[in-house]
C-alpha atoms as a PDB file:
ATOM      1  CA  UNK A   1       5.840-160.358  46.456  1.00  0.00           C
ATOM      2  CA  UNK A   2       5.685-157.457  44.093  1.00  0.00           C
ATOM      3  CA  UNK A   3       3.137-155.808  46.292  1.00  0.00           C
ATOM      4  CA  UNK A   4       5.512-156.012  49.249  1.00  0.00           C
ATOM      5  CA  UNK A   5       8.336-154.327  47.257  1.00  0.00           C
ATOM      6  CA  UNK A   6       6.079-151.541  46.089  1.00  0.00           C
ATOM      7  CA  UNK A   7       4.962-150.738  49.578  1.00  0.00           C
ATOM      8  CA  UNK A   8       8.565-150.585  50.774  1.00  0.00           C
ATOM      9  CA  UNK A   9       9.467-148.040  48.037  1.00  0.00           C
ATOM     10  CA  UNK A  10       6.552-145.831  48.963  1.00  0.00           C
ATOM     11  CA  UNK A  11       7.664-145.855  52.581  1.00  0.00           C
ATOM     12  CA  UNK A  12      11.198-144.893  51.600  1.00  0.00           C
ATOM     13  CA  UNK A  13      10.018-141.987  49.412  1.00  0.00           C
ATOM     14  CA  UNK A  14       7.801-140.681  52.156  1.00  0.00           C
ATOM     15  CA  UNK A  15      10.693-140.915  54.587  1.00  0.00           C
ATOM     16  CA  UNK A  16      13.194-139.067  52.344  1.00  0.00           C
ATOM     17  CA  UNK A  17      11.095-136.256  50.846  1.00  0.00           C
ATOM     18  CA  UNK A  18      10.675-134.014  53.921  1.00  0.00           C
ATOM     19  CA  UNK A  19      14.430-133.500  54.646  1.00  0.00           C
ATOM     20  CA  UNK A  20      15.292-132.738  50.994  1.00  0.00           C
ATOM     21  CA  UNK A  21      12.490-130.213  50.713  1.00  0.00           C
ATOM     22  CA  UNK A  22      13.518-128.513  53.927  1.00  0.00           C
ATOM     23  CA  UNK A  23      17.136-128.159  52.829  1.00  0.00           C
ATOM     24  CA  UNK A  24      16.045-126.769  49.467  1.00  0.00           C
ATOM     25  CA  UNK A  25      13.927-124.140  51.191  1.00  0.00           C
ATOM     26  CA  UNK A  26      16.802-123.211  53.514  1.00  0.00           C
ATOM     27  CA  UNK A  27      19.178-122.890  50.549  1.00  0.00           C
ATOM     28  CA  UNK A  28      16.772-120.597  48.707  1.00  0.00           C
ATOM     29  CA  UNK A  29      16.363-118.415  51.806  1.00  0.00           C
ATOM     30  CA  UNK A  30      20.141-118.173  52.226  1.00  0.00           C
ATOM     31  CA  UNK A  31      20.621-117.174  48.580  1.00  0.00           C
ATOM     32  CA  UNK A  32      17.917-114.521  48.799  1.00  0.00           C
ATOM     33  CA  UNK A  33      19.416-113.171  52.040  1.00  0.00           C
ATOM     34  CA  UNK A  34      22.875-112.954  50.468  1.00  0.00           C
ATOM     35  CA  UNK A  35      21.501-111.073  47.461  1.00  0.00           C
ATOM     36  CA  UNK A  36      19.585-108.610  49.633  1.00  0.00           C
ATOM     37  CA  UNK A  37      22.653-108.067  51.826  1.00  0.00           C
ATOM     38  CA  UNK A  38      24.814-107.477  48.758  1.00  0.00           C
ATOM     39  CA  UNK A  39      22.438-104.861  47.404  1.00  0.00           C
ATOM     40  CA  UNK A  40      22.226-103.084  50.737  1.00  0.00           C
ATOM     41  CA  UNK A  41      25.986-103.166  51.158  1.00  0.00           C
ATOM     42  CA  UNK A  42      26.453-101.510  47.768  1.00  0.00           C
ATOM     43  CA  UNK A  43      24.323 -98.514  48.809  1.00  0.00           C
ATOM     44  CA  UNK A  44      26.008 -98.330  52.201  1.00  0.00           C
ATOM     45  CA  UNK A  45      29.510 -98.486  50.723  1.00  0.00           C
ATOM     46  CA  UNK A  46      28.624 -95.847  48.115  1.00  0.00           C
ATOM     47  CA  UNK A  47      27.313 -93.457  50.775  1.00  0.00           C
ATOM     48  CA  UNK A  48      30.300 -94.072  53.055  1.00  0.00           C
ATOM     49  CA  UNK A  49      32.954 -93.633  50.366  1.00  0.00           C
ATOM     50  CA  UNK A  50      31.317 -90.509  48.843  1.00  0.00           C
ATOM     51  CA  UNK A  51      30.912 -88.849  52.236  1.00  0.00           C
ATOM     52  CA  UNK A  52      34.500 -89.663  53.193  1.00  0.00           C
ATOM     53  CA  UNK A  53      35.964 -88.278  49.949  1.00  0.00           C
ATOM     54  CA  UNK A  54      33.874 -85.094  50.041  1.00  0.00           C
ATOM     55  CA  UNK A  55      35.015 -84.395  53.595  1.00  0.00           C
ATOM     56  CA  UNK A  56      38.640 -84.722  52.507  1.00  0.00           C
ATOM     57  CA  UNK A  57      38.073 -82.373  49.566  1.00  0.00           C
ATOM     58  CA  UNK A  58      36.422 -79.757  51.749  1.00  0.00           C
ATOM     59  CA  UNK A  59      39.184 -80.025  54.283  1.00  0.00           C
ATOM     60  CA  UNK A  60      41.855 -79.645  51.601  1.00  0.00           C
ATOM     61  CA  UNK A  61      40.116 -76.637  50.077  1.00  0.00           C
ATOM     62  CA  UNK A  62      39.801 -74.964  53.441  1.00  0.00           C
ATOM     63  CA  UNK A  63      43.450 -75.568  54.167  1.00  0.00           C
ATOM     64  CA  UNK A  64      44.519 -74.219  50.754  1.00  0.00           C
ATOM     65  CA  UNK A  65      42.704 -70.868  50.879  1.00  0.00           C
ATOM     66  CA  UNK A  66      42.169 -70.152  54.541  1.00  0.00           C
ATOM     67  CA  UNK A  67      43.891 -66.984  55.711  1.00  0.00           C
ATOM     68  CA  UNK A  68      45.136 -66.462  59.250  1.00  0.00           C
ATOM     69  CA  UNK A  69      42.528 -64.759  61.387  1.00  0.00           C
ATOM     70  CA  UNK A  70      45.027 -62.288  62.847  1.00  0.00           C
ATOM     71  CA  UNK A  71      46.171 -60.975  59.435  1.00  0.00           C
ATOM     72  CA  UNK A  72      44.221 -58.856  56.946  1.00  0.00           C
ATOM     73  CA  UNK A  73      45.276 -58.499  53.292  1.00  0.00           C
ATOM     74  CA  UNK A  74      46.926 -55.147  52.585  1.00  0.00           C
ATOM     75  CA  UNK A  75      45.598 -53.331  49.507  1.00  0.00           C
ATOM     76  CA  UNK A  76      48.214 -52.546  46.854  1.00  0.00           C
ATOM     77  CA  UNK A  77      49.603 -49.030  46.742  1.00  0.00           C
ATOM     78  CA  UNK A  78      48.148 -47.017  43.868  1.00  0.00           C
ATOM     79  CA  UNK A  79      50.570 -44.852  41.899  1.00  0.00           C
ATOM     80  CA  UNK A  80      50.108 -41.115  42.180  1.00  0.00           C
ATOM     81  CA  UNK A  81      49.293 -39.606  38.782  1.00  0.00           C
ATOM     82  CA  UNK A  82      49.957 -35.905  38.432  1.00  0.00           C
ATOM     83  CA  UNK A  83      48.015 -33.821  35.950  1.00  0.00           C
ATOM     84  CA  UNK A  84      51.121 -32.618  34.122  1.00  0.00           C
ATOM     85  CA  UNK A  85      52.408 -36.162  33.636  1.00  0.00           C
ATOM     86  CA  UNK A  86      48.991 -37.324  32.423  1.00  0.00           C
ATOM     87  CA  UNK A  87      48.790 -34.424  29.958  1.00  0.00           C
ATOM     88  CA  UNK A  88      52.294 -35.201  28.712  1.00  0.00           C
ATOM     89  CA  UNK A  89      51.483 -38.890  28.214  1.00  0.00           C
ATOM     90  CA  UNK A  90      48.289 -37.992  26.353  1.00  0.00           C
ATOM     91  CA  UNK A  91      50.143 -35.610  24.049  1.00  0.00           C
ATOM     92  CA  UNK A  92      52.674 -38.371  23.307  1.00  0.00           C
ATOM     93  CA  UNK A  93      49.857 -40.754  22.400  1.00  0.00           C
ATOM     94  CA  UNK A  94      48.312 -38.163  20.088  1.00  0.00           C
ATOM     95  CA  UNK A  95      51.702 -37.544  18.482  1.00  0.00           C
ATOM     96  CA  UNK A  96      52.282 -41.269  17.943  1.00  0.00           C
ATOM     97  CA  UNK A  97      48.814 -41.662  16.467  1.00  0.00           C
ATOM     98  CA  UNK A  98      49.430 -38.716  14.123  1.00  0.00           C
ATOM     99  CA  UNK A  99      52.768 -40.151  12.981  1.00  0.00           C
ATOM    100  CA  UNK A 100      51.221 -43.584  12.437  1.00  0.00           C
ATOM    101  CA  UNK A 101      48.441 -42.134  10.292  1.00  0.00           C
ATOM    102  CA  UNK A 102      50.910 -40.058   8.299  1.00  0.00           C
ATOM    103  CA  UNK A 103      53.176 -43.044   7.710  1.00  0.00           C
ATOM    104  CA  UNK A 104      50.221 -45.211   6.636  1.00  0.00           C
ATOM    105  CA  UNK A 105      49.009 -42.654   4.062  1.00  0.00           C
ATOM    106  CA  UNK A 106      52.528 -42.218   2.652  1.00  0.00           C
ATOM    107  CA  UNK A 107      52.922 -45.995   2.278  1.00  0.00           C
ATOM    108  CA  UNK A 108      49.552 -46.166   0.511  1.00  0.00           C
ATOM    109  CA  UNK A 109      50.672 -43.430  -1.884  1.00  0.00           C
ATOM    110  CA  UNK A 110      53.909 -45.317  -2.633  1.00  0.00           C
ATOM    111  CA  UNK A 111      51.985 -48.520  -3.292  1.00  0.00           C
ATOM    112  CA  UNK A 112      49.511 -46.810  -5.623  1.00  0.00           C
ATOM    113  CA  UNK A 113      52.363 -45.134  -7.527  1.00  0.00           C
ATOM    114  CA  UNK A 114      54.079 -48.498  -8.035  1.00  0.00           C
ATOM    115  CA  UNK A 115      50.796 -49.961  -9.271  1.00  0.00           C
ATOM    116  CA  UNK A 116      50.448 -47.053 -11.692  1.00  0.00           C
ATOM    117  CA  UNK A 117      47.277 -45.583 -10.170  1.00  0.00           C
ATOM    118  CA  UNK A 118      48.386 -41.970  -9.773  1.00  0.00           C
ATOM    119  CA  UNK A 119      44.914 -40.671  -8.933  1.00  0.00           C
ATOM    120  CA  UNK A 120      44.656 -42.918  -5.872  1.00  0.00           C
ATOM    121  CA  UNK A 121      48.196 -41.910  -4.931  1.00  0.00           C
ATOM    122  CA  UNK A 122      47.099 -38.268  -5.105  1.00  0.00           C
ATOM    123  CA  UNK A 123      44.114 -39.013  -2.828  1.00  0.00           C
ATOM    124  CA  UNK A 124      46.374 -40.758  -0.301  1.00  0.00           C
ATOM    125  CA  UNK A 125      48.755 -37.790  -0.258  1.00  0.00           C
ATOM    126  CA  UNK A 126      45.813 -35.423   0.218  1.00  0.00           C
ATOM    127  CA  UNK A 127      44.825 -37.451   3.290  1.00  0.00           C
ATOM    128  CA  UNK A 128      48.408 -37.287   4.562  1.00  0.00           C
ATOM    129  CA  UNK A 129      48.420 -33.528   4.028  1.00  0.00           C
ATOM    130  CA  UNK A 130      45.271 -33.234   6.134  1.00  0.00           C
ATOM    131  CA  UNK A 131      47.130 -34.932   9.005  1.00  0.00           C
ATOM    132  CA  UNK A 132      50.190 -32.649   8.723  1.00  0.00           C
ATOM    133  CA  UNK A 133      49.865 -29.723   6.270  1.00  0.00           C
ATOM    134  CA  UNK A 134      53.510 -28.628   6.704  1.00  0.00           C
ATOM    135  CA  UNK A 135      55.216 -31.985   6.378  1.00  0.00           C
ATOM    136  CA  UNK A 136      58.127 -31.616   3.920  1.00  0.00           C
ATOM    137  CA  UNK A 137      57.973 -35.215   2.715  1.00  0.00           C
ATOM    138  CA  UNK A 138      54.265 -34.983   1.894  1.00  0.00           C
ATOM    139  CA  UNK A 139      54.628 -31.639   0.095  1.00  0.00           C
ATOM    140  CA  UNK A 140      57.607 -32.913  -1.881  1.00  0.00           C
ATOM    141  CA  UNK A 141      55.731 -36.073  -2.900  1.00  0.00           C
ATOM    142  CA  UNK A 142      52.767 -33.940  -3.960  1.00  0.00           C
ATOM    143  CA  UNK A 143      55.019 -31.788  -6.148  1.00  0.00           C
ATOM    144  CA  UNK A 144      56.787 -34.806  -7.671  1.00  0.00           C
ATOM    145  CA  UNK A 145      53.480 -36.560  -8.328  1.00  0.00           C
ATOM    146  CA  UNK A 146      52.148 -33.439 -10.042  1.00  0.00           C
ATOM    147  CA  UNK A 147      55.241 -33.445 -12.277  1.00  0.00           C
ATOM    148  CA  UNK A 148      54.633 -37.107 -13.151  1.00  0.00           C
ATOM    149  CA  UNK A 149      51.052 -36.234 -14.044  1.00  0.00           C
ATOM    150  CA  UNK A 150      52.361 -33.257 -16.069  1.00  0.00           C
ATOM    151  CA  UNK A 151      50.270 -30.865 -13.990  1.00  0.00           C
ATOM    152  CA  UNK A 152      52.546 -27.826 -13.915  1.00  0.00           C
ATOM    153  CA  UNK A 153      49.998 -25.701 -12.045  1.00  0.00           C
ATOM    154  CA  UNK A 154      49.802 -28.102  -9.101  1.00  0.00           C
ATOM    155  CA  UNK A 155      53.559 -28.685  -9.124  1.00  0.00           C
ATOM    156  CA  UNK A 156      54.148 -24.927  -9.018  1.00  0.00           C
ATOM    157  CA  UNK A 157      51.750 -24.555  -6.059  1.00  0.00           C
ATOM    158  CA  UNK A 158      53.451 -27.274  -3.995  1.00  0.00           C
ATOM    159  CA  UNK A 159      57.001 -26.180  -4.764  1.00  0.00           C
ATOM    160  CA  UNK A 160      55.899 -22.668  -3.755  1.00  0.00           C
ATOM    161  CA  UNK A 161      54.530 -24.021  -0.474  1.00  0.00           C
ATOM    162  CA  UNK A 162      57.898 -25.655   0.253  1.00  0.00           C
ATOM    163  CA  UNK A 163      59.755 -22.453  -0.620  1.00  0.00           C
ATOM    164  CA  UNK A 164      57.509 -20.392   1.670  1.00  0.00           C
ATOM    165  CA  UNK A 165      58.253 -22.441   4.784  1.00  0.00           C
ATOM    166  CA  UNK A 166      61.279 -20.242   5.623  1.00  0.00           C
ATOM    167  CA  UNK A 167      63.917 -22.979   5.527  1.00  0.00           C
ATOM    168  CA  UNK A 168      66.509 -21.003   3.574  1.00  0.00           C
ATOM    169  CA  UNK A 169      69.396 -23.152   4.714  1.00  0.00           C
ATOM    170  CA  UNK A 170      67.660 -26.382   3.848  1.00  0.00           C
ATOM    171  CA  UNK A 171      68.550 -28.276   0.676  1.00  0.00           C
ATOM    172  CA  UNK A 172      64.875 -28.870  -0.057  1.00  0.00           C
ATOM    173  CA  UNK A 173      64.266 -25.126   0.045  1.00  0.00           C
ATOM    174  CA  UNK A 174      66.939 -24.607  -2.626  1.00  0.00           C
ATOM    175  CA  UNK A 175      65.524 -27.443  -4.720  1.00  0.00           C
ATOM    176  CA  UNK A 176      62.067 -25.863  -4.526  1.00  0.00           C
ATOM    177  CA  UNK A 177      63.383 -22.544  -5.831  1.00  0.00           C
ATOM    178  CA  UNK A 178      65.201 -24.314  -8.655  1.00  0.00           C
ATOM    179  CA  UNK A 179      61.988 -26.120  -9.618  1.00  0.00           C
ATOM    180  CA  UNK A 180      60.006 -22.871  -9.522  1.00  0.00           C
ATOM    181  CA  UNK A 181      62.560 -21.140 -11.756  1.00  0.00           C
ATOM    182  CA  UNK A 182      62.545 -24.073 -14.183  1.00  0.00           C
ATOM    183  CA  UNK A 183      58.746 -24.036 -14.403  1.00  0.00           C
ATOM    184  CA  UNK A 184      58.738 -20.283 -15.038  1.00  0.00           C
ATOM    185  CA  UNK A 185      61.387 -20.591 -17.746  1.00  0.00           C
ATOM    186  CA  UNK A 186      59.459 -23.430 -19.372  1.00  0.00           C
ATOM    187  CA  UNK A 187      56.337 -21.275 -19.479  1.00  0.00           C
ATOM    188  CA  UNK A 188      58.252 -18.376 -21.046  1.00  0.00           C
ATOM    189  CA  UNK A 189      59.864 -20.562 -23.724  1.00  0.00           C
ATOM    190  CA  UNK A 190      56.680 -22.415 -24.660  1.00  0.00           C
ATOM    191  CA  UNK A 191      53.808 -20.015 -25.411  1.00  0.00           C
ATOM    192  CA  UNK A 192      51.393 -22.965 -25.619  1.00  0.00           C
ATOM    193  CA  UNK A 193      52.271 -24.149 -22.124  1.00  0.00           C
ATOM    194  CA  UNK A 194      49.492 -23.663 -19.538  1.00  0.00           C
ATOM    195  CA  UNK A 195      49.760 -20.851 -17.037  1.00  0.00           C
ATOM    196  CA  UNK A 196      51.355 -21.735 -13.714  1.00  0.00           C
ATOM    197  CA  UNK A 197      48.670 -19.800 -11.835  1.00  0.00           C
ATOM    198  CA  UNK A 198      45.098 -21.030 -12.446  1.00  0.00           C
ATOM    199  CA  UNK A 199      42.721 -18.435 -13.801  1.00  0.00           C
ATOM    200  CA  UNK A 200      40.504 -18.842 -10.753  1.00  0.00           C
ATOM    201  CA  UNK A 201      43.363 -17.628  -8.531  1.00  0.00           C
ATOM    202  CA  UNK A 202      44.348 -14.554 -10.491  1.00  0.00           C
ATOM    203  CA  UNK A 203      43.609 -11.289  -8.755  1.00  0.00           C
ATOM    204  CA  UNK A 204      45.065  -8.724  -6.392  1.00  0.00           C
ATOM    205  CA  UNK A 205      47.454 -10.079  -3.766  1.00  0.00           C
ATOM    206  CA  UNK A 206      46.962 -13.613  -5.037  1.00  0.00           C
ATOM    207  CA  UNK A 207      43.407 -13.763  -3.671  1.00  0.00           C
ATOM    208  CA  UNK A 208      41.013 -14.788  -6.405  1.00  0.00           C
ATOM    209  CA  UNK A 209      37.381 -13.826  -6.544  1.00  0.00           C
ATOM    210  CA  UNK A 210      36.125 -16.669  -8.684  1.00  0.00           C
ATOM    211  CA  UNK A 211      34.237 -17.889  -5.612  1.00  0.00           C
ATOM    212  CA  UNK A 212      32.649 -15.218  -3.473  1.00  0.00           C
ATOM    213  CA  UNK A 213      30.692 -15.413  -0.218  1.00  0.00           C
ATOM    214  CA  UNK A 214      27.371 -13.599  -0.241  1.00  0.00           C
ATOM    215  CA  UNK A 215      25.144 -12.509   2.658  1.00  0.00           C
ATOM    216  CA  UNK A 216      24.795 -15.283   5.202  1.00  0.00           C
ATOM    217  CA  UNK A 217      21.395 -16.161   6.589  1.00  0.00           C
ATOM    218  CA  UNK A 218      21.367 -17.034  10.310  1.00  0.00           C
ATOM    219  CA  UNK A 219      18.476 -19.052  11.769  1.00  0.00           C
ATOM    220  CA  UNK A 220      18.357 -19.403  15.569  1.00  0.00           C
ATOM    221  CA  UNK A 221      16.160 -21.592  17.770  1.00  0.00           C
ATOM    222  CA  UNK A 222      15.796 -22.325  21.505  1.00  0.00           C
ATOM    223  CA  UNK A 223      18.040 -19.421  22.420  1.00  0.00           C
ATOM    224  CA  UNK A 224      15.472 -17.495  24.457  1.00  0.00           C
ATOM    225  CA  UNK A 225      13.450 -20.283  26.043  1.00  0.00           C
ATOM    226  CA  UNK A 226      16.137 -22.583  27.443  1.00  0.00           C
ATOM    227  CA  UNK A 227      19.943 -22.674  27.637  1.00  0.00           C
ATOM    228  CA  UNK A 228      19.880 -26.354  26.689  1.00  0.00           C
ATOM    229  CA  UNK A 229      19.796 -27.524  23.113  1.00  0.00           C
ATOM    230  CA  UNK A 230      20.653 -24.209  21.492  1.00  0.00           C
ATOM    231  CA  UNK A 231      20.660 -24.563  17.714  1.00  0.00           C
ATOM    232  CA  UNK A 232      21.851 -22.203  14.989  1.00  0.00           C
ATOM    233  CA  UNK A 233      21.790 -22.817  11.243  1.00  0.00           C
ATOM    234  CA  UNK A 234      23.960 -20.809   8.838  1.00  0.00           C
ATOM    235  CA  UNK A 235      23.061 -20.828   5.145  1.00  0.00           C
ATOM    236  CA  UNK A 236      26.049 -19.534   3.162  1.00  0.00           C
ATOM    237  CA  UNK A 237      25.575 -18.698  -0.544  1.00  0.00           C
ATOM    238  CA  UNK A 238      28.802 -19.182  -2.538  1.00  0.00           C
ATOM    239  CA  UNK A 239      28.730 -17.334  -5.834  1.00  0.00           C
ATOM    240  CA  UNK A 240      30.711 -18.262  -8.953  1.00  0.00           C
ATOM    241  CA  UNK A 241      31.682 -14.848 -10.323  1.00  0.00           C
ATOM    242  CA  UNK A 242      32.885 -16.155 -13.699  1.00  0.00           C
ATOM    243  CA  UNK A 243      30.462 -18.761 -15.146  1.00  0.00           C
ATOM    244  CA  UNK A 244      32.959 -19.672 -17.885  1.00  0.00           C
ATOM    245  CA  UNK A 245      35.251 -21.354 -15.325  1.00  0.00           C
ATOM    246  CA  UNK A 246      34.607 -25.000 -14.496  1.00  0.00           C
ATOM    247  CA  UNK A 247      34.995 -25.678 -10.785  1.00  0.00           C
ATOM    248  CA  UNK A 248      36.546 -28.917  -9.541  1.00  0.00           C
ATOM    249  CA  UNK A 249      34.622 -29.795  -6.328  1.00  0.00           C
ATOM    250  CA  UNK A 250      37.583 -31.805  -5.021  1.00  0.00           C
ATOM    251  CA  UNK A 251      39.675 -28.623  -4.863  1.00  0.00           C
ATOM    252  CA  UNK A 252      37.197 -26.746  -2.650  1.00  0.00           C
ATOM    253  CA  UNK A 253      38.004 -26.360   1.035  1.00  0.00           C
ATOM    254  CA  UNK A 254      36.434 -24.173   3.682  1.00  0.00           C
ATOM    255  CA  UNK A 255      37.148 -23.173   7.266  1.00  0.00           C
ATOM    256  CA  UNK A 256      34.477 -22.658   9.899  1.00  0.00           C
ATOM    257  CA  UNK A 257      35.111 -20.960  13.243  1.00  0.00           C
ATOM    258  CA  UNK A 258      32.182 -20.530  15.634  1.00  0.00           C
ATOM    259  CA  UNK A 259      32.517 -18.462  18.812  1.00  0.00           C
ATOM    260  CA  UNK A 260      30.436 -18.358  22.001  1.00  0.00           C
ATOM    261  CA  UNK A 261      30.032 -15.669  24.620  1.00  0.00           C
ATOM    262  CA  UNK A 262      30.364 -16.683  28.275  1.00  0.00           C
ATOM    263  CA  UNK A 263      29.158 -13.995  30.682  1.00  0.00           C
ATOM    264  CA  UNK A 264      29.938 -10.479  29.447  1.00  0.00           C
ATOM    265  CA  UNK A 265      32.915  -9.877  27.201  1.00  0.00           C
ATOM    266  CA  UNK A 266      34.369 -13.408  27.442  1.00  0.00           C
ATOM    267  CA  UNK A 267      34.522 -14.757  23.880  1.00  0.00           C
ATOM    268  CA  UNK A 268      35.787 -18.300  23.311  1.00  0.00           C
ATOM    269  CA  UNK A 269      35.813 -20.722  20.398  1.00  0.00           C
ATOM    270  CA  UNK A 270      32.706 -22.859  20.704  1.00  0.00           C
ATOM    271  CA  UNK A 271      32.659 -26.448  21.929  1.00  0.00           C
ATOM    272  CA  UNK A 272      29.290 -27.078  20.290  1.00  0.00           C
ATOM    273  CA  UNK A 273      28.650 -29.855  17.802  1.00  0.00           C
ATOM    274  CA  UNK A 274      29.141 -28.366  14.325  1.00  0.00           C
ATOM    275  CA  UNK A 275      28.292 -30.126  11.073  1.00  0.00           C
ATOM    276  CA  UNK A 276      28.499 -28.775   7.528  1.00  0.00           C
ATOM    277  CA  UNK A 277      27.473 -29.883   4.056  1.00  0.00           C
ATOM    278  CA  UNK A 278      26.437 -28.444   0.715  1.00  0.00           C
ATOM    279  CA  UNK A 279      22.716 -28.564   0.050  1.00  0.00           C
ATOM    280  CA  UNK A 280      23.652 -29.856  -3.387  1.00  0.00           C
ATOM    281  CA  UNK A 281      25.597 -33.118  -2.774  1.00  0.00           C
ATOM    282  CA  UNK A 282      27.833 -32.382  -5.778  1.00  0.00           C
ATOM    283  CA  UNK A 283      28.374 -28.617  -6.058  1.00  0.00           C
ATOM    284  CA  UNK A 284      29.624 -27.853  -9.565  1.00  0.00           C
ATOM    285  CA  UNK A 285      28.040 -24.418 -10.211  1.00  0.00           C
ATOM    286  CA  UNK A 286      27.000 -25.658 -13.668  1.00  0.00           C
ATOM    287  CA  UNK A 287      23.222 -25.517 -13.172  1.00  0.00           C
ATOM    288  CA  UNK A 288      23.094 -22.556 -10.805  1.00  0.00           C
ATOM    289  CA  UNK A 289      25.632 -19.812 -10.311  1.00  0.00           C
ATOM    290  CA  UNK A 290      25.246 -20.103  -6.527  1.00  0.00           C
ATOM    291  CA  UNK A 291      25.666 -23.132  -4.266  1.00  0.00           C
ATOM    292  CA  UNK A 292      24.484 -23.136  -0.638  1.00  0.00           C
ATOM    293  CA  UNK A 293      26.712 -24.350   2.186  1.00  0.00           C
ATOM    294  CA  UNK A 294      24.691 -25.252   5.283  1.00  0.00           C
ATOM    295  CA  UNK A 295      26.306 -25.203   8.746  1.00  0.00           C
ATOM    296  CA  UNK A 296      24.480 -26.578  11.796  1.00  0.00           C
ATOM    297  CA  UNK A 297      25.489 -25.526  15.311  1.00  0.00           C
ATOM    298  CA  UNK A 298      24.106 -27.386  18.327  1.00  0.00           C
ATOM    299  CA  UNK A 299      25.140 -26.557  21.890  1.00  0.00           C
ATOM    300  CA  UNK A 300      24.072 -29.609  23.877  1.00  0.00           C
ATOM    301  CA  UNK A 301      25.818 -29.002  27.227  1.00  0.00           C
ATOM    302  CA  UNK A 302      26.456 -25.299  27.721  1.00  0.00           C
ATOM    303  CA  UNK A 303      28.067 -23.781  30.773  1.00  0.00           C
ATOM    304  CA  UNK A 304      26.297 -21.013  32.631  1.00  0.00           C
ATOM    305  CA  UNK A 305      25.402 -18.028  30.407  1.00  0.00           C
ATOM    306  CA  UNK A 306      27.015 -19.606  27.320  1.00  0.00           C
ATOM    307  CA  UNK A 307      25.415 -18.641  24.017  1.00  0.00           C
ATOM    308  CA  UNK A 308      26.158 -18.273  20.305  1.00  0.00           C
ATOM    309  CA  UNK A 309      28.157 -15.124  19.520  1.00  0.00           C
ATOM    310  CA  UNK A 310      29.496 -15.124  15.944  1.00  0.00           C
ATOM    311  CA  UNK A 311      31.415 -16.859  13.187  1.00  0.00           C
ATOM    312  CA  UNK A 312      34.244 -16.736  10.650  1.00  0.00           C
ATOM    313  CA  UNK A 313      33.739 -18.432   7.277  1.00  0.00           C
ATOM    314  CA  UNK A 314      36.584 -18.803   4.757  1.00  0.00           C
ATOM    315  CA  UNK A 315      36.430 -20.421   1.312  1.00  0.00           C
ATOM    316  CA  UNK A 316      39.482 -21.804  -0.528  1.00  0.00           C
ATOM    317  CA  UNK A 317      40.051 -23.157  -4.010  1.00  0.00           C
ATOM    318  CA  UNK A 318      43.203 -25.066  -4.987  1.00  0.00           C
ATOM    319  CA  UNK A 319      44.680 -24.171  -1.614  1.00  0.00           C
ATOM    320  CA  UNK A 320      44.269 -20.409  -2.146  1.00  0.00           C
ATOM    321  CA  UNK A 321      41.956 -18.124  -0.188  1.00  0.00           C
ATOM    322  CA  UNK A 322      38.984 -16.903  -2.224  1.00  0.00           C
ATOM    323  CA  UNK A 323      36.854 -14.994   0.270  1.00  0.00           C
ATOM    324  CA  UNK A 324      36.071 -14.704   3.976  1.00  0.00           C
ATOM    325  CA  UNK A 325      33.310 -13.249   6.152  1.00  0.00           C
ATOM    326  CA  UNK A 326      33.258 -12.572   9.896  1.00  0.00           C
ATOM    327  CA  UNK A 327      30.318 -11.478  12.020  1.00  0.00           C
ATOM    328  CA  UNK A 328      31.077  -9.449  14.041  1.00  0.00           C
ATOM    329  CA  UNK A 329      34.093  -8.322  11.955  1.00  0.00           C
ATOM    330  CA  UNK A 330      36.453  -8.024  14.957  1.00  0.00           C
ATOM    331  CA  UNK A 331      36.474 -11.821  15.211  1.00  0.00           C
ATOM    332  CA  UNK A 332      39.073 -11.818  12.412  1.00  0.00           C
ATOM    333  CA  UNK A 333      41.643 -10.822  15.034  1.00  0.00           C
ATOM    334  CA  UNK A 334      41.096 -14.242  16.634  1.00  0.00           C
ATOM    335  CA  UNK A 335      41.666 -16.167  13.410  1.00  0.00           C
ATOM    336  CA  UNK A 336      44.111 -19.084  13.960  1.00  0.00           C
ATOM    337  CA  UNK A 337      45.481 -18.608  10.435  1.00  0.00           C
ATOM    338  CA  UNK A 338      45.472 -22.240   9.320  1.00  0.00           C
ATOM    339  CA  UNK A 339      45.646 -22.978   5.590  1.00  0.00           C
ATOM    340  CA  UNK A 340      43.406 -25.840   4.421  1.00  0.00           C
ATOM    341  CA  UNK A 341      44.651 -28.712   2.274  1.00  0.00           C
ATOM    342  CA  UNK A 342      44.206 -29.353  -1.407  1.00  0.00           C
END
């Protein structure tokens, strides 16, 4: 009996196993197909969407910036600049720059005076005087600062400069004369008071000979071979005539005027590069009685037939002319007549 039951079970299992296996295989195939289709659809959708969006962007960009084919952009009209207007504008810029520099130096001098550093204030005013040597405010501040420093010589020099500017109707002119008279009276009353005129400036016509210019040595190069790169070196010996006087290097100023000849008889102030310096970095005339001032002239871009012609050299001490040399001498008639700063 048991054998009959067992045989029936085996028949049933054999009958059922093939359909179940077949459906399982079909299900696996369907799942794999769905997965493959999903992966492929992702790539297809990505390509389709990206291509569609990029086409829209390109179309929008073309529509935004495309110009009509029958129109051409008109260039803007450029303003006409005349030479006179350009020169006037440039002169205004130079004037503004000069005023800005002057104002900055004056403010520095005020600040240093408030801080109590009168020497730095004096240096700032010297810089301001280099910008504008005839500025009344700068000259007045120089005179007042000299009075604060109890330097009657310097105060006398600056009040004299103000008085010599030919402003007889100006209140400052009258004040300058009052200050000069007061300084003179003070010197007369006090025999121990220092002289208003420094010893180095005493001499005929107010021109001192404490510093004297000796024979100048001129060294030329490249003047005969080529018109380009012409170079001239001037070595100027400056003699201290009275060794007992101590020279303050800060009070030394000099003027250099170099002239060129263009063609025959046309003499013009040179446009060459000119540099100058003492061979001794600190000229004090204490070791030697003579100090050498070296001037280098280099004409880098000359016009046709342009060459070195001559020079004017002037030496000043404490704002007063000491000596001058011109070669050839007739160049003195071309002297601009500027007074250097202290």
